[in-house]
């Protein structure tokens, strides 16, 4: 919800938008000090928190239909993004929200 408005989840959307803007603001402030600030923006990840959506026979198929990868993400799908952002390979990346969403935002 950092990139979309959402429906019926305005407090959640507001908090995700705040994380995105805080990432950018801190990157602007800390980049001159050699500190990278970036964030990972997960898509639909199968966790205990999202179990009700996974079990919802109406909403789950609608969600899956929009994910080009054809599946919900797993927590371990976020590991590569975290390793990349923590590595020297991302030294010139500042203020970026890296979506790990199976292609959701591409639709």
PDB file of N, CA and C in Angstrom:
ATOM      1  N   UNK A   1       0.803  -1.208   0.000  1.00  0.00           N
ATOM      2  CA  UNK A   1       0.000   0.000   0.000  1.00  0.00           C
ATOM      3  C   UNK A   1       0.847   1.274   0.000  1.00  0.00           C
ATOM      4  N   UNK A   2       2.163   1.138  -0.110  1.00  0.00           N
ATOM      5  CA  UNK A   2       3.007   2.331  -0.255  1.00  0.00           C
ATOM      6  C   UNK A   2       2.776   3.004  -1.595  1.00  0.00           C
ATOM      7  N   UNK A   3       2.293   2.240  -2.582  1.00  0.00           N
ATOM      8  CA  UNK A   3       2.159   2.732  -3.946  1.00  0.00           C
ATOM      9  C   UNK A   3       0.708   2.874  -4.393  1.00  0.00           C
ATOM     10  N   UNK A   4      -0.242   2.352  -3.611  1.00  0.00           N
ATOM     11  CA  UNK A   4      -1.645   2.338  -4.005  1.00  0.00           C
ATOM     12  C   UNK A   4      -2.498   2.895  -2.865  1.00  0.00           C
ATOM     13  N   UNK A   5      -3.708   3.261  -3.168  1.00  0.00           N
ATOM     14  CA  UNK A   5      -4.586   3.807  -2.155  1.00  0.00           C
ATOM     15  C   UNK A   5      -5.284   2.776  -1.290  1.00  0.00           C
ATOM     16  N   UNK A   6      -5.490   1.598  -1.823  1.00  0.00           N
ATOM     17  CA  UNK A   6      -6.197   0.572  -1.051  1.00  0.00           C
ATOM     18  C   UNK A   6      -7.677   0.849  -0.943  1.00  0.00           C
ATOM     19  N   UNK A   7      -8.401  -0.133  -0.448  1.00  0.00           N
ATOM     20  CA  UNK A   7      -9.845  -0.013  -0.230  1.00  0.00           C
ATOM     21  C   UNK A   7     -10.143  -0.542   1.164  1.00  0.00           C
ATOM     22  N   UNK A   8     -10.799   0.268   1.967  1.00  0.00           N
ATOM     23  CA  UNK A   8     -11.202  -0.100   3.331  1.00  0.00           C
ATOM     24  C   UNK A   8     -10.019  -0.358   4.261  1.00  0.00           C
ATOM     25  N   UNK A   9      -8.843   0.170   3.926  1.00  0.00           N
ATOM     26  CA  UNK A   9      -7.664  -0.022   4.781  1.00  0.00           C
ATOM     27  C   UNK A   9      -6.889   1.290   4.925  1.00  0.00           C
ATOM     28  N   UNK A  10      -7.604   2.394   5.094  1.00  0.00           N
ATOM     29  CA  UNK A  10      -6.933   3.695   5.097  1.00  0.00           C
ATOM     30  C   UNK A  10      -5.864   3.834   6.181  1.00  0.00           C
ATOM     31  N   UNK A  11      -6.073   3.364   7.424  1.00  0.00           N
ATOM     32  CA  UNK A  11      -4.976   3.480   8.405  1.00  0.00           C
ATOM     33  C   UNK A  11      -3.737   2.682   7.981  1.00  0.00           C
ATOM     34  N   UNK A  12      -3.938   1.480   7.462  1.00  0.00           N
ATOM     35  CA  UNK A  12      -2.830   0.648   6.999  1.00  0.00           C
ATOM     36  C   UNK A  12      -2.111   1.328   5.836  1.00  0.00           C
ATOM     37  N   UNK A  13      -2.879   1.854   4.884  1.00  0.00           N
ATOM     38  CA  UNK A  13      -2.302   2.533   3.729  1.00  0.00           C
ATOM     39  C   UNK A  13      -1.520   3.766   4.169  1.00  0.00           C
ATOM     40  N   UNK A  14      -2.063   4.524   5.108  1.00  0.00           N
ATOM     41  CA  UNK A  14      -1.370   5.712   5.603  1.00  0.00           C
ATOM     42  C   UNK A  14      -0.040   5.343   6.250  1.00  0.00           C
ATOM     43  N   UNK A  15      -0.025   4.259   6.999  1.00  0.00           N
ATOM     44  CA  UNK A  15       1.229   3.860   7.656  1.00  0.00           C
ATOM     45  C   UNK A  15       2.263   3.421   6.635  1.00  0.00           C
ATOM     46  N   UNK A  16       1.845   2.725   5.594  1.00  0.00           N
ATOM     47  CA  UNK A  16       2.789   2.284   4.558  1.00  0.00           C
ATOM     48  C   UNK A  16       3.294   3.475   3.751  1.00  0.00           C
ATOM     49  N   UNK A  17       2.425   4.427   3.469  1.00  0.00           N
ATOM     50  CA  UNK A  17       2.861   5.647   2.795  1.00  0.00           C
ATOM     51  C   UNK A  17       3.872   6.409   3.633  1.00  0.00           C
ATOM     52  N   UNK A  18       3.656   6.428   4.935  1.00  0.00           N
ATOM     53  CA  UNK A  18       4.586   7.112   5.840  1.00  0.00           C
ATOM     54  C   UNK A  18       5.956   6.439   5.824  1.00  0.00           C
ATOM     55  N   UNK A  19       5.989   5.121   5.792  1.00  0.00           N
ATOM     56  CA  UNK A  19       7.268   4.401   5.732  1.00  0.00           C
ATOM     57  C   UNK A  19       8.008   4.779   4.449  1.00  0.00           C
ATOM     58  N   UNK A  20       7.295   4.843   3.339  1.00  0.00           N
ATOM     59  CA  UNK A  20       7.920   5.210   2.067  1.00  0.00           C
ATOM     60  C   UNK A  20       8.501   6.611   2.099  1.00  0.00           C
ATOM     61  N   UNK A  21       7.745   7.565   2.604  1.00  0.00           N
ATOM     62  CA  UNK A  21       8.221   8.943   2.651  1.00  0.00           C
ATOM     63  C   UNK A  21       9.357   9.112   3.661  1.00  0.00           C
ATOM     64  N   UNK A  22       9.273   8.410   4.785  1.00  0.00           N
ATOM     65  CA  UNK A  22      10.354   8.466   5.770  1.00  0.00           C
ATOM     66  C   UNK A  22      11.643   7.891   5.187  1.00  0.00           C
ATOM     67  N   UNK A  23      11.519   6.827   4.405  1.00  0.00           N
ATOM     68  CA  UNK A  23      12.683   6.245   3.735  1.00  0.00           C
ATOM     69  C   UNK A  23      13.360   7.287   2.858  1.00  0.00           C
ATOM     70  N   UNK A  24      12.584   8.015   2.083  1.00  0.00           N
ATOM     71  CA  UNK A  24      13.139   9.031   1.194  1.00  0.00           C
ATOM     72  C   UNK A  24      13.747  10.195   1.969  1.00  0.00           C
ATOM     73  N   UNK A  25      13.048  10.649   2.996  1.00  0.00           N
ATOM     74  CA  UNK A  25      13.547  11.776   3.777  1.00  0.00           C
ATOM     75  C   UNK A  25      14.864  11.425   4.477  1.00  0.00           C
ATOM     76  N   UNK A  26      14.914  10.246   5.093  1.00  0.00           N
ATOM     77  CA  UNK A  26      16.150   9.848   5.777  1.00  0.00           C
ATOM     78  C   UNK A  26      17.281   9.617   4.780  1.00  0.00           C
ATOM     79  N   UNK A  27      16.958   9.099   3.599  1.00  0.00           N
ATOM     80  CA  UNK A  27      17.988   8.931   2.572  1.00  0.00           C
ATOM     81  C   UNK A  27      18.576  10.286   2.180  1.00  0.00           C
ATOM     82  N   UNK A  28      17.725  11.297   2.029  1.00  0.00           N
ATOM     83  CA  UNK A  28      18.207  12.634   1.696  1.00  0.00           C
ATOM     84  C   UNK A  28      19.115  13.188   2.784  1.00  0.00           C
ATOM     85  N   UNK A  29      18.762  12.946   4.030  1.00  0.00           N
ATOM     86  CA  UNK A  29      19.539  13.470   5.149  1.00  0.00           C
ATOM     87  C   UNK A  29      20.835  12.696   5.386  1.00  0.00           C
ATOM     88  N   UNK A  30      20.800  11.386   5.200  1.00  0.00           N
ATOM     89  CA  UNK A  30      21.931  10.552   5.601  1.00  0.00           C
ATOM     90  C   UNK A  30      22.866  10.158   4.469  1.00  0.00           C
ATOM     91  N   UNK A  31      22.442  10.296   3.210  1.00  0.00           N
ATOM     92  CA  UNK A  31      23.324   9.942   2.091  1.00  0.00           C
ATOM     93  C   UNK A  31      24.654  10.701   2.141  1.00  0.00           C
ATOM     94  N   UNK A  32      24.652  11.999   2.479  1.00  0.00           N
ATOM     95  CA  UNK A  32      25.942  12.698   2.554  1.00  0.00           C
ATOM     96  C   UNK A  32      26.880  12.127   3.627  1.00  0.00           C
ATOM     97  N   UNK A  33      26.336  11.369   4.550  1.00  0.00           N
ATOM     98  CA  UNK A  33      27.145  10.755   5.609  1.00  0.00           C
ATOM     99  C   UNK A  33      27.593   9.347   5.228  1.00  0.00           C
ATOM    100  N   UNK A  34      27.249   8.922   4.002  1.00  0.00           N
ATOM    101  CA  UNK A  34      27.614   7.594   3.539  1.00  0.00           C
ATOM    102  C   UNK A  34      26.689   6.499   4.030  1.00  0.00           C
ATOM    103  N   UNK A  35      25.496   6.881   4.469  1.00  0.00           N
ATOM    104  CA  UNK A  35      24.521   5.912   4.979  1.00  0.00           C
ATOM    105  C   UNK A  35      23.398   5.754   3.959  1.00  0.00           C
ATOM    106  N   UNK A  36      23.173   4.527   3.535  1.00  0.00           N
ATOM    107  CA  UNK A  36      22.080   4.239   2.602  1.00  0.00           C
ATOM    108  C   UNK A  36      20.814   3.949   3.394  1.00  0.00           C
ATOM    109  N   UNK A  37      19.719   4.529   2.963  1.00  0.00           N
ATOM    110  CA  UNK A  37      18.423   4.223   3.553  1.00  0.00           C
ATOM    111  C   UNK A  37      17.490   3.821   2.420  1.00  0.00           C
ATOM    112  N   UNK A  38      17.034   2.584   2.469  1.00  0.00           N
ATOM    113  CA  UNK A  38      16.116   2.031   1.485  1.00  0.00           C
ATOM    114  C   UNK A  38      15.093   1.183   2.229  1.00  0.00           C
ATOM    115  N   UNK A  39      14.085   0.724   1.540  1.00  0.00           N
ATOM    116  CA  UNK A  39      13.060  -0.104   2.185  1.00  0.00           C
ATOM    117  C   UNK A  39      12.621  -1.207   1.234  1.00  0.00           C
ATOM    118  N   UNK A  40      12.152  -2.270   1.806  1.00  0.00           N
ATOM    119  CA  UNK A  40      11.554  -3.358   1.047  1.00  0.00           C
ATOM    120  C   UNK A  40      10.045  -3.245   1.200  1.00  0.00           C
ATOM    121  N   UNK A  41       9.343  -3.263   0.071  1.00  0.00           N
ATOM    122  CA  UNK A  41       7.889  -3.169   0.072  1.00  0.00           C
ATOM    123  C   UNK A  41       7.330  -4.515  -0.381  1.00  0.00           C
ATOM    124  N   UNK A  42       7.008  -5.387   0.567  1.00  0.00           N
ATOM    125  CA  UNK A  42       6.495  -6.704   0.187  1.00  0.00           C
ATOM    126  C   UNK A  42       5.083  -6.623  -0.386  1.00  0.00           C
ATOM    127  N   UNK A  43       4.814  -7.513  -1.304  1.00  0.00           N
ATOM    128  CA  UNK A  43       3.453  -7.673  -1.791  1.00  0.00           C
ATOM    129  C   UNK A  43       2.704  -8.602  -0.844  1.00  0.00           C
ATOM    130  N   UNK A  44       1.819  -9.398  -1.385  1.00  0.00           N
ATOM    131  CA  UNK A  44       1.064 -10.340  -0.559  1.00  0.00           C
ATOM    132  C   UNK A  44       1.984 -11.503  -0.176  1.00  0.00           C
ATOM    133  N   UNK A  45       2.295 -11.584   1.109  1.00  0.00           N
ATOM    134  CA  UNK A  45       3.183 -12.610   1.648  1.00  0.00           C
ATOM    135  C   UNK A  45       2.355 -13.514   2.562  1.00  0.00           C
ATOM    136  N   UNK A  46       2.488 -14.812   2.389  1.00  0.00           N
ATOM    137  CA  UNK A  46       1.741 -15.782   3.203  1.00  0.00           C
ATOM    138  C   UNK A  46       2.354 -15.854   4.604  1.00  0.00           C
ATOM    139  N   UNK A  47       1.637 -15.309   5.578  1.00  0.00           N
ATOM    140  CA  UNK A  47       2.053 -15.322   6.977  1.00  0.00           C
ATOM    141  C   UNK A  47       0.822 -15.564   7.845  1.00  0.00           C
ATOM    142  N   UNK A  48       1.036 -15.658   9.133  1.00  0.00           N
ATOM    143  CA  UNK A  48      -0.103 -15.788  10.049  1.00  0.00           C
ATOM    144  C   UNK A  48      -1.033 -14.581   9.931  1.00  0.00           C
ATOM    145  N   UNK A  49      -0.459 -13.395   9.715  1.00  0.00           N
ATOM    146  CA  UNK A  49      -1.263 -12.176   9.605  1.00  0.00           C
ATOM    147  C   UNK A  49      -2.180 -12.205   8.382  1.00  0.00           C
ATOM    148  N   UNK A  50      -1.709 -12.795   7.293  1.00  0.00           N
ATOM    149  CA  UNK A  50      -2.509 -12.802   6.064  1.00  0.00           C
ATOM    150  C   UNK A  50      -3.323 -14.076   5.886  1.00  0.00           C
ATOM    151  N   UNK A  51      -3.275 -14.975   6.848  1.00  0.00           N
ATOM    152  CA  UNK A  51      -4.023 -16.234   6.748  1.00  0.00           C
ATOM    153  C   UNK A  51      -5.510 -16.020   6.442  1.00  0.00           C
ATOM    154  N   UNK A  52      -6.183 -15.038   7.078  1.00  0.00           N
ATOM    155  CA  UNK A  52      -7.604 -14.844   6.746  1.00  0.00           C
ATOM    156  C   UNK A  52      -7.834 -14.540   5.257  1.00  0.00           C
ATOM    157  N   UNK A  53      -6.942 -13.779   4.641  1.00  0.00           N
ATOM    158  CA  UNK A  53      -7.085 -13.510   3.208  1.00  0.00           C
ATOM    159  C   UNK A  53      -6.814 -14.763   2.381  1.00  0.00           C
ATOM    160  N   UNK A  54      -5.820 -15.526   2.786  1.00  0.00           N
ATOM    161  CA  UNK A  54      -5.513 -16.771   2.071  1.00  0.00           C
ATOM    162  C   UNK A  54      -6.689 -17.734   2.109  1.00  0.00           C
ATOM    163  N   UNK A  55      -7.426 -17.728   3.211  1.00  0.00           N
ATOM    164  CA  UNK A  55      -8.548 -18.648   3.389  1.00  0.00           C
ATOM    165  C   UNK A  55      -9.867 -18.083   2.865  1.00  0.00           C
ATOM    166  N   UNK A  56      -9.878 -16.817   2.441  1.00  0.00           N
ATOM    167  CA  UNK A  56     -11.091 -16.180   1.936  1.00  0.00           C
ATOM    168  C   UNK A  56     -11.347 -16.653   0.504  1.00  0.00           C
ATOM    169  N   UNK A  57     -12.418 -17.387   0.311  1.00  0.00           N
ATOM    170  CA  UNK A  57     -12.694 -18.004  -0.992  1.00  0.00           C
ATOM    171  C   UNK A  57     -13.095 -16.999  -2.071  1.00  0.00           C
ATOM    172  N   UNK A  58     -13.366 -15.767  -1.680  1.00  0.00           N
ATOM    173  CA  UNK A  58     -13.672 -14.726  -2.663  1.00  0.00           C
ATOM    174  C   UNK A  58     -12.442 -13.868  -2.952  1.00  0.00           C
ATOM    175  N   UNK A  59     -11.819 -13.389  -1.905  1.00  0.00           N
ATOM    176  CA  UNK A  59     -10.707 -12.445  -2.095  1.00  0.00           C
ATOM    177  C   UNK A  59      -9.421 -13.110  -2.558  1.00  0.00           C
ATOM    178  N   UNK A  60      -9.107 -14.304  -2.059  1.00  0.00           N
ATOM    179  CA  UNK A  60      -7.853 -14.946  -2.445  1.00  0.00           C
ATOM    180  C   UNK A  60      -7.758 -15.171  -3.956  1.00  0.00           C
ATOM    181  N   UNK A  61      -8.795 -15.716  -4.617  1.00  0.00           N
ATOM    182  CA  UNK A  61      -8.687 -15.868  -6.077  1.00  0.00           C
ATOM    183  C   UNK A  61      -8.513 -14.526  -6.806  1.00  0.00           C
ATOM    184  N   UNK A  62      -9.137 -13.486  -6.308  1.00  0.00           N
ATOM    185  CA  UNK A  62      -8.994 -12.168  -6.930  1.00  0.00           C
ATOM    186  C   UNK A  62      -7.566 -11.648  -6.780  1.00  0.00           C
ATOM    187  N   UNK A  63      -6.981 -11.888  -5.617  1.00  0.00           N
ATOM    188  CA  UNK A  63      -5.587 -11.483  -5.389  1.00  0.00           C
ATOM    189  C   UNK A  63      -4.658 -12.282  -6.297  1.00  0.00           C
ATOM    190  N   UNK A  64      -4.816 -13.583  -6.314  1.00  0.00           N
ATOM    191  CA  UNK A  64      -3.959 -14.433  -7.144  1.00  0.00           C
ATOM    192  C   UNK A  64      -4.053 -14.089  -8.619  1.00  0.00           C
ATOM    193  N   UNK A  65      -5.234 -13.706  -9.072  1.00  0.00           N
ATOM    194  CA  UNK A  65      -5.418 -13.360 -10.481  1.00  0.00           C
ATOM    195  C   UNK A  65      -4.597 -12.149 -10.877  1.00  0.00           C
ATOM    196  N   UNK A  66      -4.222 -11.331  -9.914  1.00  0.00           N
ATOM    197  CA  UNK A  66      -3.477 -10.106 -10.209  1.00  0.00           C
ATOM    198  C   UNK A  66      -1.970 -10.265 -10.017  1.00  0.00           C
ATOM    199  N   UNK A  67      -1.526 -11.382  -9.489  1.00  0.00           N
ATOM    200  CA  UNK A  67      -0.092 -11.599  -9.255  1.00  0.00           C
ATOM    201  C   UNK A  67       0.472 -12.395 -10.433  1.00  0.00           C
ATOM    202  N   UNK A  68       1.285 -11.756 -11.286  1.00  0.00           N
ATOM    203  CA  UNK A  68       1.821 -12.476 -12.441  1.00  0.00           C
ATOM    204  C   UNK A  68       2.593 -13.749 -12.071  1.00  0.00           C
ATOM    205  N   UNK A  69       3.239 -13.777 -10.928  1.00  0.00           N
ATOM    206  CA  UNK A  69       3.981 -14.973 -10.504  1.00  0.00           C
ATOM    207  C   UNK A  69       3.041 -16.131 -10.189  1.00  0.00           C
ATOM    208  N   UNK A  70       1.741 -15.839 -10.019  1.00  0.00           N
ATOM    209  CA  UNK A  70       0.751 -16.887  -9.812  1.00  0.00           C
ATOM    210  C   UNK A  70       0.704 -17.483  -8.421  1.00  0.00           C
ATOM    211  N   UNK A  71       1.341 -16.826  -7.465  1.00  0.00           N
ATOM    212  CA  UNK A  71       1.328 -17.342  -6.091  1.00  0.00           C
ATOM    213  C   UNK A  71       1.579 -16.201  -5.122  1.00  0.00           C
ATOM    214  N   UNK A  72       1.199 -16.441  -3.878  1.00  0.00           N
ATOM    215  CA  UNK A  72       1.545 -15.525  -2.805  1.00  0.00           C
ATOM    216  C   UNK A  72       3.044 -15.668  -2.533  1.00  0.00           C
ATOM    217  N   UNK A  73       3.652 -14.597  -2.058  1.00  0.00           N
ATOM    218  CA  UNK A  73       5.046 -14.664  -1.674  1.00  0.00           C
ATOM    219  C   UNK A  73       5.213 -15.437  -0.375  1.00  0.00           C
ATOM    220  N   UNK A  74       6.430 -15.896  -0.157  1.00  0.00           N
ATOM    221  CA  UNK A  74       6.814 -16.547   1.098  1.00  0.00           C
ATOM    222  C   UNK A  74       7.798 -15.634   1.804  1.00  0.00           C
ATOM    223  N   UNK A  75       7.868 -15.661   3.119  1.00  0.00           N
ATOM    224  CA  UNK A  75       8.824 -14.790   3.819  1.00  0.00           C
ATOM    225  C   UNK A  75      10.240 -14.896   3.263  1.00  0.00           C
ATOM    226  N   UNK A  76      10.650 -16.090   2.872  1.00  0.00           N
ATOM    227  CA  UNK A  76      12.011 -16.247   2.353  1.00  0.00           C
ATOM    228  C   UNK A  76      12.212 -15.555   0.999  1.00  0.00           C
ATOM    229  N   UNK A  77      11.143 -15.185   0.325  1.00  0.00           N
ATOM    230  CA  UNK A  77      11.277 -14.444  -0.928  1.00  0.00           C
ATOM    231  C   UNK A  77      11.856 -13.045  -0.701  1.00  0.00           C
ATOM    232  N   UNK A  78      11.807 -12.554   0.515  1.00  0.00           N
ATOM    233  CA  UNK A  78      12.321 -11.220   0.826  1.00  0.00           C
ATOM    234  C   UNK A  78      13.821 -11.222   1.084  1.00  0.00           C
ATOM    235  N   UNK A  79      14.395 -12.406   1.314  1.00  0.00           N
ATOM    236  CA  UNK A  79      15.803 -12.508   1.685  1.00  0.00           C
ATOM    237  C   UNK A  79      16.763 -11.953   0.653  1.00  0.00           C
ATOM    238  N   UNK A  80      16.532 -12.237  -0.611  1.00  0.00           N
ATOM    239  CA  UNK A  80      17.431 -11.746  -1.649  1.00  0.00           C
ATOM    240  C   UNK A  80      17.471 -10.225  -1.699  1.00  0.00           C
ATOM    241  N   UNK A  81      16.313  -9.600  -1.555  1.00  0.00           N
ATOM    242  CA  UNK A  81      16.255  -8.137  -1.552  1.00  0.00           C
ATOM    243  C   UNK A  81      17.015  -7.572  -0.360  1.00  0.00           C
ATOM    244  N   UNK A  82      16.865  -8.216   0.797  1.00  0.00           N
ATOM    245  CA  UNK A  82      17.564  -7.747   1.992  1.00  0.00           C
ATOM    246  C   UNK A  82      19.075  -7.891   1.828  1.00  0.00           C
ATOM    247  N   UNK A  83      19.514  -9.022   1.302  1.00  0.00           N
ATOM    248  CA  UNK A  83      20.953  -9.234   1.083  1.00  0.00           C
ATOM    249  C   UNK A  83      21.486  -8.202   0.094  1.00  0.00           C
ATOM    250  N   UNK A  84      20.759  -7.972  -1.001  1.00  0.00           N
ATOM    251  CA  UNK A  84      21.180  -6.987  -1.990  1.00  0.00           C
ATOM    252  C   UNK A  84      21.317  -5.600  -1.372  1.00  0.00           C
ATOM    253  N   UNK A  85      20.280  -5.155  -0.651  1.00  0.00           N
ATOM    254  CA  UNK A  85      20.324  -3.810  -0.074  1.00  0.00           C
ATOM    255  C   UNK A  85      21.372  -3.666   1.014  1.00  0.00           C
ATOM    256  N   UNK A  86      21.761  -4.772   1.637  1.00  0.00           N
ATOM    257  CA  UNK A  86      22.791  -4.733   2.679  1.00  0.00           C
ATOM    258  C   UNK A  86      24.198  -4.882   2.099  1.00  0.00           C
ATOM    259  N   UNK A  87      24.293  -5.135   0.807  1.00  0.00           N
ATOM    260  CA  UNK A  87      25.592  -5.390   0.188  1.00  0.00           C
ATOM    261  C   UNK A  87      26.150  -4.146  -0.504  1.00  0.00           C
ATOM    262  N   UNK A  88      27.417  -4.235  -0.884  1.00  0.00           N
ATOM    263  CA  UNK A  88      28.063  -3.149  -1.616  1.00  0.00           C
ATOM    264  C   UNK A  88      27.444  -2.954  -3.002  1.00  0.00           C
ATOM    265  N   UNK A  89      26.725  -3.949  -3.505  1.00  0.00           N
ATOM    266  CA  UNK A  89      26.073  -3.828  -4.812  1.00  0.00           C
ATOM    267  C   UNK A  89      25.033  -2.714  -4.834  1.00  0.00           C
ATOM    268  N   UNK A  90      24.571  -2.280  -3.671  1.00  0.00           N
ATOM    269  CA  UNK A  90      23.559  -1.221  -3.610  1.00  0.00           C
ATOM    270  C   UNK A  90      24.117   0.089  -3.059  1.00  0.00           C
ATOM    271  N   UNK A  91      25.426   0.256  -3.100  1.00  0.00           N
ATOM    272  CA  UNK A  91      26.047   1.446  -2.502  1.00  0.00           C
ATOM    273  C   UNK A  91      25.543   2.769  -3.074  1.00  0.00           C
ATOM    274  N   UNK A  92      25.079   2.792  -4.296  1.00  0.00           N
ATOM    275  CA  UNK A  92      24.629   4.038  -4.906  1.00  0.00           C
ATOM    276  C   UNK A  92      23.106   4.094  -5.016  1.00  0.00           C
ATOM    277  N   UNK A  93      22.434   3.308  -4.203  1.00  0.00           N
ATOM    278  CA  UNK A  93      20.974   3.306  -4.178  1.00  0.00           C
ATOM    279  C   UNK A  93      20.535   3.969  -2.875  1.00  0.00           C
ATOM    280  N   UNK A  94      19.813   5.046  -2.992  1.00  0.00           N
ATOM    281  CA  UNK A  94      19.375   5.829  -1.831  1.00  0.00           C
ATOM    282  C   UNK A  94      17.892   6.176  -1.974  1.00  0.00           C
ATOM    283  N   UNK A  95      17.126   5.938  -0.925  1.00  0.00           N
ATOM    284  CA  UNK A  95      15.723   6.348  -0.912  1.00  0.00           C
ATOM    285  C   UNK A  95      14.803   5.510  -1.772  1.00  0.00           C
ATOM    286  N   UNK A  96      15.183   4.265  -2.026  1.00  0.00           N
ATOM    287  CA  UNK A  96      14.393   3.412  -2.913  1.00  0.00           C
ATOM    288  C   UNK A  96      13.507   2.461  -2.121  1.00  0.00           C
ATOM    289  N   UNK A  97      12.281   2.284  -2.597  1.00  0.00           N
ATOM    290  CA  UNK A  97      11.380   1.264  -2.056  1.00  0.00           C
ATOM    291  C   UNK A  97      11.382   0.111  -3.046  1.00  0.00           C
ATOM    292  N   UNK A  98      11.982  -0.984  -2.659  1.00  0.00           N
ATOM    293  CA  UNK A  98      12.122  -2.140  -3.539  1.00  0.00           C
ATOM    294  C   UNK A  98      10.916  -3.056  -3.361  1.00  0.00           C
ATOM    295  N   UNK A  99      10.073  -3.099  -4.375  1.00  0.00           N
ATOM    296  CA  UNK A  99       8.881  -3.942  -4.320  1.00  0.00           C
ATOM    297  C   UNK A  99       9.270  -5.395  -4.585  1.00  0.00           C
ATOM    298  N   UNK A 100       8.872  -6.264  -3.690  1.00  0.00           N
ATOM    299  CA  UNK A 100       9.046  -7.712  -3.846  1.00  0.00           C
ATOM    300  C   UNK A 100       7.628  -8.268  -3.810  1.00  0.00           C
ATOM    301  N   UNK A 101       7.007  -8.335  -4.986  1.00  0.00           N
ATOM    302  CA  UNK A 101       5.559  -8.554  -5.026  1.00  0.00           C
ATOM    303  C   UNK A 101       5.086  -9.520  -6.106  1.00  0.00           C
ATOM    304  N   UNK A 102       5.996 -10.290  -6.692  1.00  0.00           N
ATOM    305  CA  UNK A 102       5.590 -11.244  -7.719  1.00  0.00           C
ATOM    306  C   UNK A 102       5.055 -10.593  -8.982  1.00  0.00           C
ATOM    307  N   UNK A 103       5.300  -9.291  -9.141  1.00  0.00           N
ATOM    308  CA  UNK A 103       4.829  -8.564 -10.316  1.00  0.00           C
ATOM    309  C   UNK A 103       3.546  -7.785 -10.127  1.00  0.00           C
ATOM    310  N   UNK A 104       2.989  -7.789  -8.906  1.00  0.00           N
ATOM    311  CA  UNK A 104       1.712  -7.117  -8.610  1.00  0.00           C
ATOM    312  C   UNK A 104       1.669  -5.684  -9.160  1.00  0.00           C
ATOM    313  N   UNK A 105       2.691  -4.899  -8.903  1.00  0.00           N
ATOM    314  CA  UNK A 105       2.662  -3.492  -9.317  1.00  0.00           C
ATOM    315  C   UNK A 105       2.795  -3.316 -10.824  1.00  0.00           C
ATOM    316  N   UNK A 106       3.215  -4.350 -11.516  1.00  0.00           N
ATOM    317  CA  UNK A 106       3.331  -4.276 -12.958  1.00  0.00           C
ATOM    318  C   UNK A 106       2.001  -4.392 -13.687  1.00  0.00           C
ATOM    319  N   UNK A 107       0.964  -4.724 -12.929  1.00  0.00           N
ATOM    320  CA  UNK A 107      -0.356  -4.897 -13.550  1.00  0.00           C
ATOM    321  C   UNK A 107      -1.109  -3.597 -13.566  1.00  0.00           C
TER     322      UNK A 107
END
